Amino acid sequence: MTPQAFSVCVYCGSRSGAHPAFAQAATDCGRLLGQRGWQLVYGGGSTGLMGTVADAALAHGAAVVGVIPERLIQRELGHGGVSELHVVDSMHERKHLMAQRSDAFIALPGGIGTMEEIFEIWTWRQLGYHAKPLGLLNVGGYYDDLLRFIERSRDDGFLWPDVQELLLVDDQIERLLDRLHAQSLVLQTQTPPSLRQAEPGGVADGT
């Protein structure tokens, strides 16, 4: 693994959910990251889908960077086997460091924390705090209702279509990873000077 490896931030549940397809998607995600020689950045936990994606990535040779607040170490059982485990003081610091260490973002199934994370990084992209691609993996239709709400928000005039298009949606993890990587290559050539000169990782201060 080289420092230049493509780095993917994965947001997902600290629980495994009710359907085996969720854990399978997390396993496949981690496996593919390792097989591609990419790096995983995630929330640092060892339980639920978080632990599953980290274990699969590690098993297939990926470097895994975990970022977890001190307050959640006991609650989420911080993963002791990752390549790097950063213990930070707050959720805000956690999310900012994860964003700095990543080239792209993907949300697997999860609860309100997962949805908050992908919506926040989507908002940061809209506002120009970073120029990195983001995606949503819709496993077994898990996010169907959320996607309908997003369409309602667009139709009712609260979401511009070009902003909606920033969120790549797919139900196949391998295809979504391909799309994120391809878009990242394009975005690298379009990154404005303000972000090229931003904090490490191309995330502007103020997020």
N, C-alpha and C. Protein backbone atom coordinates (compact mmCIF):
# COMPACT_ATOMS: atom_id res chain seq x y z
N MET A 1 0.85 -1.19 0.00
CA MET A 1 0.00 0.00 0.00
C MET A 1 0.89 1.24 0.00
N THR A 2 0.62 2.14 -0.91
CA THR A 2 1.40 3.37 -1.00
C THR A 2 0.57 4.53 -0.47
N PRO A 3 1.23 5.62 -0.05
CA PRO A 3 0.48 6.78 0.43
C PRO A 3 -0.45 7.36 -0.64
N GLN A 4 -0.17 7.08 -1.92
CA GLN A 4 -0.97 7.63 -3.01
C GLN A 4 -2.20 6.78 -3.33
N ALA A 5 -2.41 5.68 -2.59
CA ALA A 5 -3.54 4.80 -2.88
C ALA A 5 -4.86 5.57 -2.80
N PHE A 6 -5.77 5.25 -3.72
CA PHE A 6 -7.08 5.87 -3.71
C PHE A 6 -7.77 5.53 -2.39
N SER A 7 -8.28 6.56 -1.72
CA SER A 7 -8.79 6.40 -0.35
C SER A 7 -10.29 6.66 -0.33
N VAL A 8 -11.06 5.66 0.12
CA VAL A 8 -12.52 5.74 0.12
C VAL A 8 -13.04 5.77 1.55
N CYS A 9 -13.79 6.79 1.86
CA CYS A 9 -14.45 6.89 3.16
C CYS A 9 -15.79 6.16 3.07
N VAL A 10 -16.01 5.21 3.97
CA VAL A 10 -17.25 4.44 3.99
C VAL A 10 -18.02 4.77 5.26
N TYR A 11 -19.23 5.29 5.07
CA TYR A 11 -20.16 5.51 6.16
C TYR A 11 -21.12 4.33 6.20
N CYS A 12 -21.36 3.78 7.40
CA CYS A 12 -22.27 2.65 7.50
C CYS A 12 -22.65 2.43 8.97
N GLY A 13 -23.56 1.51 9.19
CA GLY A 13 -24.10 1.30 10.53
C GLY A 13 -23.14 0.62 11.48
N SER A 14 -23.25 0.96 12.75
CA SER A 14 -22.52 0.25 13.81
C SER A 14 -23.29 -0.99 14.25
N ARG A 15 -24.46 -1.21 13.64
CA ARG A 15 -25.20 -2.46 13.75
C ARG A 15 -25.22 -3.13 12.38
N SER A 16 -25.55 -4.41 12.36
CA SER A 16 -25.53 -5.15 11.10
C SER A 16 -26.83 -5.07 10.33
N GLY A 17 -27.92 -4.65 10.98
CA GLY A 17 -29.19 -4.58 10.30
C GLY A 17 -29.89 -5.93 10.24
N ALA A 18 -31.09 -5.93 9.71
CA ALA A 18 -31.95 -7.10 9.77
C ALA A 18 -31.77 -8.08 8.61
N HIS A 19 -31.08 -7.66 7.56
CA HIS A 19 -31.00 -8.50 6.37
C HIS A 19 -29.55 -8.86 6.04
N PRO A 20 -29.28 -10.13 5.74
CA PRO A 20 -27.91 -10.56 5.42
C PRO A 20 -27.29 -9.80 4.25
N ALA A 21 -28.12 -9.25 3.36
CA ALA A 21 -27.58 -8.52 2.21
C ALA A 21 -26.77 -7.31 2.63
N PHE A 22 -27.10 -6.72 3.79
CA PHE A 22 -26.37 -5.54 4.25
C PHE A 22 -24.93 -5.91 4.61
N ALA A 23 -24.78 -6.98 5.39
CA ALA A 23 -23.43 -7.42 5.76
C ALA A 23 -22.66 -7.90 4.54
N GLN A 24 -23.35 -8.53 3.60
CA GLN A 24 -22.67 -8.98 2.38
C GLN A 24 -22.14 -7.80 1.59
N ALA A 25 -22.93 -6.73 1.52
CA ALA A 25 -22.48 -5.54 0.81
C ALA A 25 -21.24 -4.94 1.47
N ALA A 26 -21.22 -4.91 2.81
CA ALA A 26 -20.07 -4.39 3.53
C ALA A 26 -18.84 -5.26 3.30
N THR A 27 -19.04 -6.58 3.30
CA THR A 27 -17.94 -7.50 3.02
C THR A 27 -17.40 -7.29 1.62
N ASP A 28 -18.31 -7.19 0.65
CA ASP A 28 -17.88 -6.99 -0.74
C ASP A 28 -17.15 -5.67 -0.91
N CYS A 29 -17.62 -4.63 -0.23
CA CYS A 29 -16.97 -3.33 -0.30
C CYS A 29 -15.54 -3.41 0.21
N GLY A 30 -15.36 -3.98 1.39
CA GLY A 30 -14.02 -4.11 1.95
C GLY A 30 -13.11 -4.97 1.09
N ARG A 31 -13.66 -6.06 0.59
CA ARG A 31 -12.88 -6.95 -0.28
C ARG A 31 -12.40 -6.23 -1.53
N LEU A 32 -13.31 -5.50 -2.17
CA LEU A 32 -12.94 -4.81 -3.41
C LEU A 32 -11.90 -3.72 -3.17
N LEU A 33 -12.02 -3.02 -2.04
CA LEU A 33 -11.01 -2.01 -1.73
C LEU A 33 -9.64 -2.65 -1.61
N GLY A 34 -9.57 -3.79 -0.93
CA GLY A 34 -8.30 -4.48 -0.79
C GLY A 34 -7.77 -5.01 -2.11
N GLN A 35 -8.63 -5.61 -2.89
CA GLN A 35 -8.21 -6.18 -4.16
C GLN A 35 -7.72 -5.11 -5.13
N ARG A 36 -8.26 -3.91 -5.01
CA ARG A 36 -7.85 -2.81 -5.89
C ARG A 36 -6.62 -2.07 -5.37
N GLY A 37 -6.16 -2.42 -4.18
CA GLY A 37 -5.03 -1.71 -3.61
C GLY A 37 -5.39 -0.34 -3.09
N TRP A 38 -6.67 -0.14 -2.77
CA TRP A 38 -7.15 1.13 -2.26
C TRP A 38 -7.12 1.14 -0.73
N GLN A 39 -7.46 2.27 -0.16
CA GLN A 39 -7.46 2.45 1.29
C GLN A 39 -8.88 2.71 1.79
N LEU A 40 -9.20 2.17 2.96
CA LEU A 40 -10.49 2.41 3.61
C LEU A 40 -10.31 3.43 4.73
N VAL A 41 -11.18 4.43 4.75
CA VAL A 41 -11.31 5.34 5.88
C VAL A 41 -12.71 5.16 6.41
N TYR A 42 -12.84 4.98 7.73
CA TYR A 42 -14.17 4.74 8.29
C TYR A 42 -14.19 5.18 9.75
N GLY A 43 -15.31 4.93 10.42
CA GLY A 43 -15.52 5.46 11.76
C GLY A 43 -14.84 4.77 12.90
N GLY A 44 -14.00 3.77 12.63
CA GLY A 44 -13.14 3.19 13.66
C GLY A 44 -13.73 2.11 14.54
N GLY A 45 -15.00 1.74 14.34
CA GLY A 45 -15.63 0.74 15.19
C GLY A 45 -15.36 -0.68 14.75
N SER A 46 -15.62 -1.63 15.65
CA SER A 46 -15.43 -3.05 15.35
C SER A 46 -16.74 -3.81 15.27
N THR A 47 -17.87 -3.11 15.47
CA THR A 47 -19.16 -3.78 15.49
C THR A 47 -19.96 -3.45 14.24
N GLY A 48 -20.98 -4.26 13.98
CA GLY A 48 -21.91 -4.01 12.90
C GLY A 48 -21.24 -3.96 11.54
N LEU A 49 -21.84 -3.20 10.63
CA LEU A 49 -21.29 -3.09 9.28
C LEU A 49 -19.94 -2.41 9.29
N MET A 50 -19.71 -1.53 10.27
CA MET A 50 -18.41 -0.87 10.37
C MET A 50 -17.30 -1.90 10.55
N GLY A 51 -17.51 -2.82 11.48
CA GLY A 51 -16.51 -3.86 11.71
C GLY A 51 -16.38 -4.79 10.52
N THR A 52 -17.50 -5.09 9.88
CA THR A 52 -17.49 -6.00 8.73
C THR A 52 -16.67 -5.45 7.58
N VAL A 53 -16.91 -4.18 7.23
CA VAL A 53 -16.17 -3.60 6.10
C VAL A 53 -14.68 -3.48 6.44
N ALA A 54 -14.36 -3.13 7.68
CA ALA A 54 -12.96 -3.02 8.07
C ALA A 54 -12.27 -4.38 8.05
N ASP A 55 -12.92 -5.40 8.59
CA ASP A 55 -12.32 -6.73 8.62
C ASP A 55 -12.08 -7.26 7.21
N ALA A 56 -13.05 -7.04 6.31
CA ALA A 56 -12.90 -7.53 4.94
C ALA A 56 -11.79 -6.79 4.22
N ALA A 57 -11.69 -5.48 4.44
CA ALA A 57 -10.62 -4.71 3.81
C ALA A 57 -9.25 -5.18 4.30
N LEU A 58 -9.13 -5.37 5.60
CA LEU A 58 -7.87 -5.83 6.16
C LEU A 58 -7.50 -7.22 5.64
N ALA A 59 -8.50 -8.09 5.54
CA ALA A 59 -8.26 -9.46 5.09
C ALA A 59 -7.76 -9.51 3.65
N HIS A 60 -8.05 -8.46 2.88
CA HIS A 60 -7.64 -8.43 1.48
C HIS A 60 -6.54 -7.40 1.23
N GLY A 61 -5.84 -7.03 2.29
CA GLY A 61 -4.62 -6.26 2.15
C GLY A 61 -4.74 -4.76 2.11
N ALA A 62 -5.93 -4.21 2.38
CA ALA A 62 -6.09 -2.76 2.35
C ALA A 62 -5.56 -2.12 3.62
N ALA A 63 -5.02 -0.93 3.50
CA ALA A 63 -4.75 -0.11 4.68
C ALA A 63 -6.09 0.43 5.16
N VAL A 64 -6.30 0.43 6.47
CA VAL A 64 -7.58 0.85 7.04
C VAL A 64 -7.31 1.93 8.08
N VAL A 65 -7.92 3.09 7.88
CA VAL A 65 -7.78 4.23 8.79
C VAL A 65 -9.10 4.42 9.52
N GLY A 66 -9.09 4.26 10.83
CA GLY A 66 -10.27 4.47 11.65
C GLY A 66 -10.18 5.77 12.43
N VAL A 67 -11.30 6.47 12.54
CA VAL A 67 -11.34 7.73 13.29
C VAL A 67 -12.55 7.66 14.22
N ILE A 68 -12.32 7.75 15.52
CA ILE A 68 -13.39 7.55 16.48
C ILE A 68 -13.25 8.52 17.65
N PRO A 69 -14.33 9.12 18.11
CA PRO A 69 -14.24 9.98 19.29
C PRO A 69 -13.98 9.17 20.56
N GLU A 70 -13.30 9.78 21.49
CA GLU A 70 -13.01 9.14 22.77
C GLU A 70 -14.29 8.63 23.42
N ARG A 71 -15.36 9.40 23.34
CA ARG A 71 -16.62 9.06 23.98
C ARG A 71 -17.23 7.77 23.44
N LEU A 72 -16.87 7.42 22.20
CA LEU A 72 -17.47 6.25 21.56
C LEU A 72 -16.56 5.02 21.57
N ILE A 73 -15.39 5.15 22.13
CA ILE A 73 -14.46 4.01 22.15
C ILE A 73 -15.12 2.79 22.79
N GLN A 74 -15.72 2.97 23.96
CA GLN A 74 -16.36 1.85 24.64
C GLN A 74 -17.66 1.46 23.97
N ARG A 75 -18.42 2.45 23.55
CA ARG A 75 -19.73 2.17 22.96
C ARG A 75 -19.63 1.45 21.62
N GLU A 76 -18.66 1.82 20.80
CA GLU A 76 -18.50 1.20 19.49
C GLU A 76 -17.36 0.19 19.45
N LEU A 77 -16.69 0.01 20.58
CA LEU A 77 -15.60 -0.96 20.64
C LEU A 77 -14.59 -0.70 19.52
N GLY A 78 -13.80 0.35 19.70
CA GLY A 78 -12.82 0.74 18.69
C GLY A 78 -12.01 -0.44 18.20
N HIS A 79 -11.83 -0.50 16.90
CA HIS A 79 -11.16 -1.63 16.25
C HIS A 79 -9.67 -1.61 16.57
N GLY A 80 -9.18 -2.69 17.16
CA GLY A 80 -7.77 -2.75 17.56
C GLY A 80 -6.83 -3.23 16.48
N GLY A 81 -7.38 -3.65 15.34
CA GLY A 81 -6.52 -4.24 14.31
C GLY A 81 -6.32 -3.40 13.07
N VAL A 82 -6.80 -2.16 13.08
CA VAL A 82 -6.68 -1.34 11.88
C VAL A 82 -5.27 -0.78 11.74
N SER A 83 -4.97 -0.30 10.54
CA SER A 83 -3.63 0.23 10.28
C SER A 83 -3.36 1.49 11.08
N GLU A 84 -4.38 2.36 11.17
CA GLU A 84 -4.29 3.58 11.97
C GLU A 84 -5.62 3.75 12.70
N LEU A 85 -5.57 4.05 13.99
CA LEU A 85 -6.78 4.38 14.73
C LEU A 85 -6.56 5.73 15.39
N HIS A 86 -7.32 6.73 14.94
CA HIS A 86 -7.20 8.08 15.47
C HIS A 86 -8.34 8.30 16.46
N VAL A 87 -8.00 8.59 17.70
CA VAL A 87 -9.00 8.89 18.73
C VAL A 87 -9.07 10.41 18.88
N VAL A 88 -10.22 10.98 18.60
CA VAL A 88 -10.37 12.43 18.57
C VAL A 88 -11.35 12.88 19.66
N ASP A 89 -11.49 14.19 19.80
CA ASP A 89 -12.27 14.73 20.91
C ASP A 89 -13.76 14.88 20.61
N SER A 90 -14.14 14.95 19.33
CA SER A 90 -15.53 15.25 19.03
C SER A 90 -15.96 14.61 17.72
N MET A 91 -17.28 14.55 17.52
CA MET A 91 -17.81 14.05 16.26
C MET A 91 -17.40 14.96 15.10
N HIS A 92 -17.37 16.27 15.34
CA HIS A 92 -16.99 17.20 14.28
C HIS A 92 -15.56 16.93 13.83
N GLU A 93 -14.66 16.75 14.79
CA GLU A 93 -13.27 16.48 14.45
C GLU A 93 -13.16 15.15 13.72
N ARG A 94 -13.94 14.19 14.13
CA ARG A 94 -13.96 12.88 13.47
C ARG A 94 -14.31 13.02 11.99
N LYS A 95 -15.41 13.70 11.71
CA LYS A 95 -15.88 13.81 10.33
C LYS A 95 -14.92 14.63 9.48
N HIS A 96 -14.35 15.66 10.05
CA HIS A 96 -13.42 16.50 9.29
C HIS A 96 -12.16 15.73 8.93
N LEU A 97 -11.62 14.96 9.88
CA LEU A 97 -10.42 14.18 9.61
C LEU A 97 -10.71 13.09 8.59
N MET A 98 -11.87 12.43 8.71
CA MET A 98 -12.24 11.42 7.72
C MET A 98 -12.31 12.03 6.33
N ALA A 99 -12.87 13.23 6.23
CA ALA A 99 -12.97 13.89 4.93
C ALA A 99 -11.59 14.24 4.38
N GLN A 100 -10.70 14.70 5.24
CA GLN A 100 -9.35 15.05 4.80
C GLN A 100 -8.59 13.84 4.27
N ARG A 101 -8.81 12.68 4.90
CA ARG A 101 -8.04 11.48 4.54
C ARG A 101 -8.63 10.72 3.35
N SER A 102 -9.71 11.23 2.76
CA SER A 102 -10.44 10.48 1.73
C SER A 102 -10.42 11.18 0.38
N ASP A 103 -10.51 10.36 -0.67
CA ASP A 103 -10.65 10.86 -2.04
C ASP A 103 -12.08 10.74 -2.54
N ALA A 104 -12.90 9.94 -1.88
CA ALA A 104 -14.29 9.73 -2.28
C ALA A 104 -15.04 9.21 -1.06
N PHE A 105 -16.38 9.29 -1.14
CA PHE A 105 -17.23 8.93 -0.01
C PHE A 105 -18.36 8.02 -0.49
N ILE A 106 -18.71 7.05 0.35
CA ILE A 106 -19.80 6.15 0.01
C ILE A 106 -20.58 5.80 1.27
N ALA A 107 -21.89 5.78 1.16
CA ALA A 107 -22.74 5.38 2.28
C ALA A 107 -23.34 4.01 1.99
N LEU A 108 -23.09 3.06 2.87
CA LEU A 108 -23.76 1.77 2.87
C LEU A 108 -25.00 1.90 3.76
N PRO A 109 -25.80 0.87 3.92
CA PRO A 109 -26.93 0.96 4.84
C PRO A 109 -26.47 1.35 6.25
N GLY A 110 -27.31 2.10 6.93
CA GLY A 110 -27.02 2.53 8.28
C GLY A 110 -28.18 3.34 8.81
N GLY A 111 -28.03 3.84 10.02
CA GLY A 111 -29.09 4.60 10.67
C GLY A 111 -28.93 6.09 10.48
N ILE A 112 -29.42 6.86 11.47
CA ILE A 112 -29.44 8.31 11.32
C ILE A 112 -28.03 8.89 11.26
N GLY A 113 -27.05 8.24 11.92
CA GLY A 113 -25.68 8.74 11.85
C GLY A 113 -25.12 8.63 10.44
N THR A 114 -25.37 7.49 9.79
CA THR A 114 -24.90 7.30 8.43
C THR A 114 -25.54 8.31 7.49
N MET A 115 -26.85 8.52 7.63
CA MET A 115 -27.53 9.46 6.76
C MET A 115 -27.05 10.89 7.02
N GLU A 116 -26.80 11.21 8.28
CA GLU A 116 -26.28 12.55 8.60
C GLU A 116 -24.92 12.76 7.96
N GLU A 117 -24.08 11.74 7.97
CA GLU A 117 -22.74 11.87 7.43
C GLU A 117 -22.75 12.08 5.92
N ILE A 118 -23.55 11.29 5.19
CA ILE A 118 -23.55 11.44 3.74
C ILE A 118 -24.23 12.75 3.34
N PHE A 119 -25.25 13.18 4.08
CA PHE A 119 -25.88 14.46 3.76
C PHE A 119 -24.93 15.62 4.06
N GLU A 120 -24.16 15.51 5.12
CA GLU A 120 -23.23 16.59 5.44
C GLU A 120 -22.14 16.70 4.39
N ILE A 121 -21.56 15.58 3.99
CA ILE A 121 -20.48 15.64 3.01
C ILE A 121 -21.03 16.08 1.65
N TRP A 122 -22.29 15.76 1.38
CA TRP A 122 -22.97 16.24 0.17
C TRP A 122 -23.15 17.76 0.24
N THR A 123 -23.55 18.25 1.41
CA THR A 123 -23.69 19.70 1.60
C THR A 123 -22.36 20.41 1.44
N TRP A 124 -21.30 19.86 2.02
CA TRP A 124 -19.97 20.45 1.88
C TRP A 124 -19.58 20.54 0.40
N ARG A 125 -19.90 19.50 -0.35
CA ARG A 125 -19.60 19.50 -1.80
C ARG A 125 -20.39 20.61 -2.50
N GLN A 126 -21.67 20.72 -2.20
CA GLN A 126 -22.52 21.75 -2.80
C GLN A 126 -21.96 23.14 -2.54
N LEU A 127 -21.47 23.36 -1.32
CA LEU A 127 -21.00 24.69 -0.91
C LEU A 127 -19.55 24.96 -1.31
N GLY A 128 -18.89 23.95 -1.91
CA GLY A 128 -17.54 24.16 -2.39
C GLY A 128 -16.44 23.96 -1.36
N TYR A 129 -16.75 23.25 -0.27
CA TYR A 129 -15.70 22.98 0.72
C TYR A 129 -14.79 21.82 0.31
N HIS A 130 -15.20 21.03 -0.66
CA HIS A 130 -14.34 20.00 -1.23
C HIS A 130 -14.83 19.71 -2.64
N ALA A 131 -14.01 18.99 -3.39
CA ALA A 131 -14.37 18.61 -4.77
C ALA A 131 -14.11 17.13 -4.95
N LYS A 132 -14.79 16.33 -4.13
CA LYS A 132 -14.61 14.88 -4.13
C LYS A 132 -15.96 14.21 -4.37
N PRO A 133 -15.97 13.06 -5.08
CA PRO A 133 -17.24 12.41 -5.40
C PRO A 133 -17.83 11.67 -4.20
N LEU A 134 -19.16 11.50 -4.24
CA LEU A 134 -19.84 10.80 -3.16
C LEU A 134 -20.95 9.93 -3.74
N GLY A 135 -21.21 8.82 -3.07
CA GLY A 135 -22.19 7.88 -3.58
C GLY A 135 -22.99 7.22 -2.48
N LEU A 136 -24.11 6.66 -2.89
CA LEU A 136 -25.03 5.96 -1.99
C LEU A 136 -25.26 4.57 -2.55
N LEU A 137 -24.98 3.53 -1.76
CA LEU A 137 -25.22 2.16 -2.18
C LEU A 137 -26.60 1.73 -1.68
N ASN A 138 -27.51 1.56 -2.60
CA ASN A 138 -28.90 1.25 -2.26
C ASN A 138 -29.10 -0.27 -2.25
N VAL A 139 -28.70 -0.90 -1.17
CA VAL A 139 -28.75 -2.36 -1.05
C VAL A 139 -30.19 -2.81 -0.81
N GLY A 140 -30.69 -3.65 -1.70
CA GLY A 140 -32.02 -4.21 -1.51
C GLY A 140 -33.12 -3.18 -1.38
N GLY A 141 -32.93 -2.02 -1.98
CA GLY A 141 -33.93 -0.97 -1.89
C GLY A 141 -33.99 -0.26 -0.55
N TYR A 142 -32.94 -0.42 0.26
CA TYR A 142 -32.95 0.17 1.61
C TYR A 142 -33.20 1.67 1.58
N TYR A 143 -32.61 2.36 0.61
CA TYR A 143 -32.73 3.81 0.56
C TYR A 143 -33.81 4.30 -0.40
N ASP A 144 -34.68 3.41 -0.85
CA ASP A 144 -35.72 3.82 -1.81
C ASP A 144 -36.56 4.99 -1.31
N ASP A 145 -37.01 4.92 -0.07
CA ASP A 145 -37.86 5.99 0.47
C ASP A 145 -37.08 7.29 0.61
N LEU A 146 -35.83 7.20 1.00
CA LEU A 146 -35.00 8.39 1.11
C LEU A 146 -34.80 9.03 -0.26
N LEU A 147 -34.60 8.22 -1.27
CA LEU A 147 -34.41 8.74 -2.62
C LEU A 147 -35.69 9.39 -3.13
N ARG A 148 -36.84 8.84 -2.74
CA ARG A 148 -38.10 9.47 -3.13
C ARG A 148 -38.25 10.83 -2.45
N PHE A 149 -37.80 10.91 -1.20
CA PHE A 149 -37.84 12.21 -0.51
C PHE A 149 -36.93 13.22 -1.21
N ILE A 150 -35.75 12.78 -1.63
CA ILE A 150 -34.84 13.67 -2.34
C ILE A 150 -35.48 14.18 -3.63
N GLU A 151 -36.17 13.29 -4.33
CA GLU A 151 -36.88 13.71 -5.54
C GLU A 151 -37.99 14.71 -5.20
N ARG A 152 -38.69 14.47 -4.09
CA ARG A 152 -39.73 15.41 -3.66
C ARG A 152 -39.11 16.77 -3.34
N SER A 153 -37.97 16.77 -2.69
CA SER A 153 -37.28 18.02 -2.37
C SER A 153 -36.92 18.77 -3.64
N ARG A 154 -36.47 18.04 -4.65
CA ARG A 154 -36.16 18.67 -5.94
C ARG A 154 -37.43 19.23 -6.58
N ASP A 155 -38.47 18.40 -6.63
CA ASP A 155 -39.71 18.80 -7.30
C ASP A 155 -40.37 20.00 -6.61
N ASP A 156 -40.18 20.12 -5.29
CA ASP A 156 -40.78 21.22 -4.55
C ASP A 156 -39.88 22.45 -4.47
N GLY A 157 -38.77 22.41 -5.19
CA GLY A 157 -37.96 23.60 -5.34
C GLY A 157 -36.90 23.84 -4.29
N PHE A 158 -36.58 22.81 -3.48
CA PHE A 158 -35.57 22.99 -2.44
C PHE A 158 -34.21 22.40 -2.83
N LEU A 159 -34.14 21.70 -3.93
CA LEU A 159 -32.90 21.03 -4.34
C LEU A 159 -32.74 21.19 -5.85
N TRP A 160 -31.66 21.85 -6.26
CA TRP A 160 -31.41 22.02 -7.68
C TRP A 160 -31.03 20.68 -8.29
N PRO A 161 -31.48 20.39 -9.52
CA PRO A 161 -31.14 19.12 -10.16
C PRO A 161 -29.65 18.86 -10.25
N ASP A 162 -28.83 19.90 -10.47
CA ASP A 162 -27.40 19.68 -10.57
C ASP A 162 -26.79 19.28 -9.23
N VAL A 163 -27.40 19.72 -8.14
CA VAL A 163 -26.95 19.30 -6.82
C VAL A 163 -27.36 17.86 -6.56
N GLN A 164 -28.56 17.50 -6.95
CA GLN A 164 -29.01 16.11 -6.81
C GLN A 164 -28.06 15.17 -7.53
N GLU A 165 -27.59 15.58 -8.71
CA GLU A 165 -26.72 14.73 -9.51
C GLU A 165 -25.34 14.51 -8.90
N LEU A 166 -24.99 15.32 -7.90
CA LEU A 166 -23.70 15.12 -7.23
C LEU A 166 -23.67 13.81 -6.46
N LEU A 167 -24.83 13.32 -6.02
CA LEU A 167 -24.91 12.06 -5.28
C LEU A 167 -25.10 10.91 -6.26
N LEU A 168 -24.06 10.10 -6.42
CA LEU A 168 -24.15 8.95 -7.30
C LEU A 168 -24.86 7.82 -6.57
N VAL A 169 -25.87 7.24 -7.19
CA VAL A 169 -26.65 6.18 -6.57
C VAL A 169 -26.54 4.92 -7.41
N ASP A 170 -26.31 3.79 -6.73
CA ASP A 170 -26.21 2.51 -7.44
C ASP A 170 -26.58 1.40 -6.47
N ASP A 171 -26.95 0.24 -7.02
CA ASP A 171 -27.24 -0.92 -6.17
C ASP A 171 -26.17 -2.00 -6.29
N GLN A 172 -25.09 -1.69 -7.03
CA GLN A 172 -23.97 -2.61 -7.20
C GLN A 172 -22.69 -1.94 -6.72
N ILE A 173 -22.06 -2.54 -5.71
CA ILE A 173 -20.90 -1.90 -5.09
C ILE A 173 -19.73 -1.77 -6.05
N GLU A 174 -19.48 -2.77 -6.87
CA GLU A 174 -18.33 -2.69 -7.77
C GLU A 174 -18.53 -1.57 -8.79
N ARG A 175 -19.73 -1.47 -9.31
CA ARG A 175 -20.02 -0.41 -10.29
C ARG A 175 -19.95 0.97 -9.65
N LEU A 176 -20.43 1.08 -8.41
CA LEU A 176 -20.38 2.37 -7.73
C LEU A 176 -18.94 2.80 -7.46
N LEU A 177 -18.10 1.86 -7.05
CA LEU A 177 -16.70 2.18 -6.83
C LEU A 177 -16.04 2.64 -8.14
N ASP A 178 -16.37 1.97 -9.24
CA ASP A 178 -15.84 2.38 -10.54
C ASP A 178 -16.26 3.82 -10.87
N ARG A 179 -17.52 4.13 -10.62
CA ARG A 179 -18.04 5.46 -10.93
C ARG A 179 -17.38 6.53 -10.06
N LEU A 180 -17.19 6.22 -8.78
CA LEU A 180 -16.55 7.18 -7.88
C LEU A 180 -15.11 7.46 -8.32
N HIS A 181 -14.39 6.40 -8.67
CA HIS A 181 -13.00 6.58 -9.08
C HIS A 181 -12.91 7.37 -10.37
N ALA A 182 -13.77 7.06 -11.33
CA ALA A 182 -13.76 7.79 -12.60
C ALA A 182 -14.09 9.27 -12.39
N GLN A 183 -15.07 9.55 -11.55
CA GLN A 183 -15.42 10.94 -11.30
C GLN A 183 -14.32 11.66 -10.54
N SER A 184 -13.64 10.95 -9.66
CA SER A 184 -12.53 11.57 -8.93
C SER A 184 -11.44 12.04 -9.88
N LEU A 185 -11.14 11.22 -10.90
CA LEU A 185 -10.10 11.60 -11.86
C LEU A 185 -10.50 12.86 -12.61
N VAL A 186 -11.78 12.96 -12.96
CA VAL A 186 -12.26 14.16 -13.64
C VAL A 186 -12.19 15.37 -12.73
N LEU A 187 -12.65 15.20 -11.49
CA LEU A 187 -12.70 16.32 -10.56
C LEU A 187 -11.31 16.85 -10.22
N GLN A 188 -10.32 15.97 -10.21
CA GLN A 188 -8.96 16.41 -9.90
C GLN A 188 -8.47 17.45 -10.91
N THR A 189 -8.93 17.35 -12.14
CA THR A 189 -8.53 18.32 -13.16
C THR A 189 -9.33 19.60 -13.08
N GLN A 190 -10.42 19.59 -12.29
CA GLN A 190 -11.30 20.75 -12.20
C GLN A 190 -11.26 21.43 -10.84
N THR A 191 -10.44 20.91 -9.92
CA THR A 191 -10.42 21.44 -8.56
C THR A 191 -9.96 22.90 -8.56
N PRO A 192 -10.76 23.79 -7.97
CA PRO A 192 -10.38 25.21 -7.96
C PRO A 192 -9.16 25.47 -7.08
N PRO A 193 -8.44 26.55 -7.35
CA PRO A 193 -7.24 26.87 -6.56
C PRO A 193 -7.52 26.95 -5.07
N SER A 194 -8.71 27.41 -4.67
CA SER A 194 -9.02 27.55 -3.25
C SER A 194 -8.96 26.22 -2.54
N LEU A 195 -9.31 25.12 -3.23
CA LEU A 195 -9.25 23.81 -2.61
C LEU A 195 -7.88 23.18 -2.77
N ARG A 196 -7.19 23.46 -3.88
CA ARG A 196 -5.83 22.94 -4.03
C ARG A 196 -4.93 23.49 -2.92
N GLN A 197 -5.26 24.69 -2.42
CA GLN A 197 -4.44 25.31 -1.38
C GLN A 197 -5.07 25.14 0.00
N ALA A 198 -6.10 24.30 0.08
CA ALA A 198 -6.81 24.11 1.35
C ALA A 198 -6.01 23.25 2.30
N GLU A 199 -6.64 22.93 3.41
CA GLU A 199 -6.01 22.06 4.39
C GLU A 199 -5.65 20.71 3.74
N PRO A 200 -4.79 19.93 4.39
CA PRO A 200 -4.44 18.62 3.83
C PRO A 200 -5.70 17.84 3.48
N GLY A 201 -5.68 17.20 2.31
CA GLY A 201 -6.83 16.42 1.90
C GLY A 201 -7.82 17.17 1.06
N GLY A 202 -7.58 18.45 0.76
CA GLY A 202 -8.46 19.19 -0.11
C GLY A 202 -9.82 19.48 0.49
N VAL A 203 -9.87 19.72 1.77
CA VAL A 203 -11.12 20.10 2.44
C VAL A 203 -10.89 21.48 3.05
N ALA A 204 -11.67 22.45 2.60
CA ALA A 204 -11.46 23.82 3.05
C ALA A 204 -11.77 23.99 4.52
N ASP A 205 -11.06 24.90 5.16
CA ASP A 205 -11.33 25.22 6.55
C ASP A 205 -12.73 25.84 6.67
N GLY A 206 -13.34 25.69 7.83
CA GLY A 206 -14.66 26.24 8.05
C GLY A 206 -15.76 25.21 7.99
N THR A 207 -15.42 23.94 7.65
CA THR A 207 -16.43 22.90 7.62
C THR A 207 -16.74 22.44 9.04
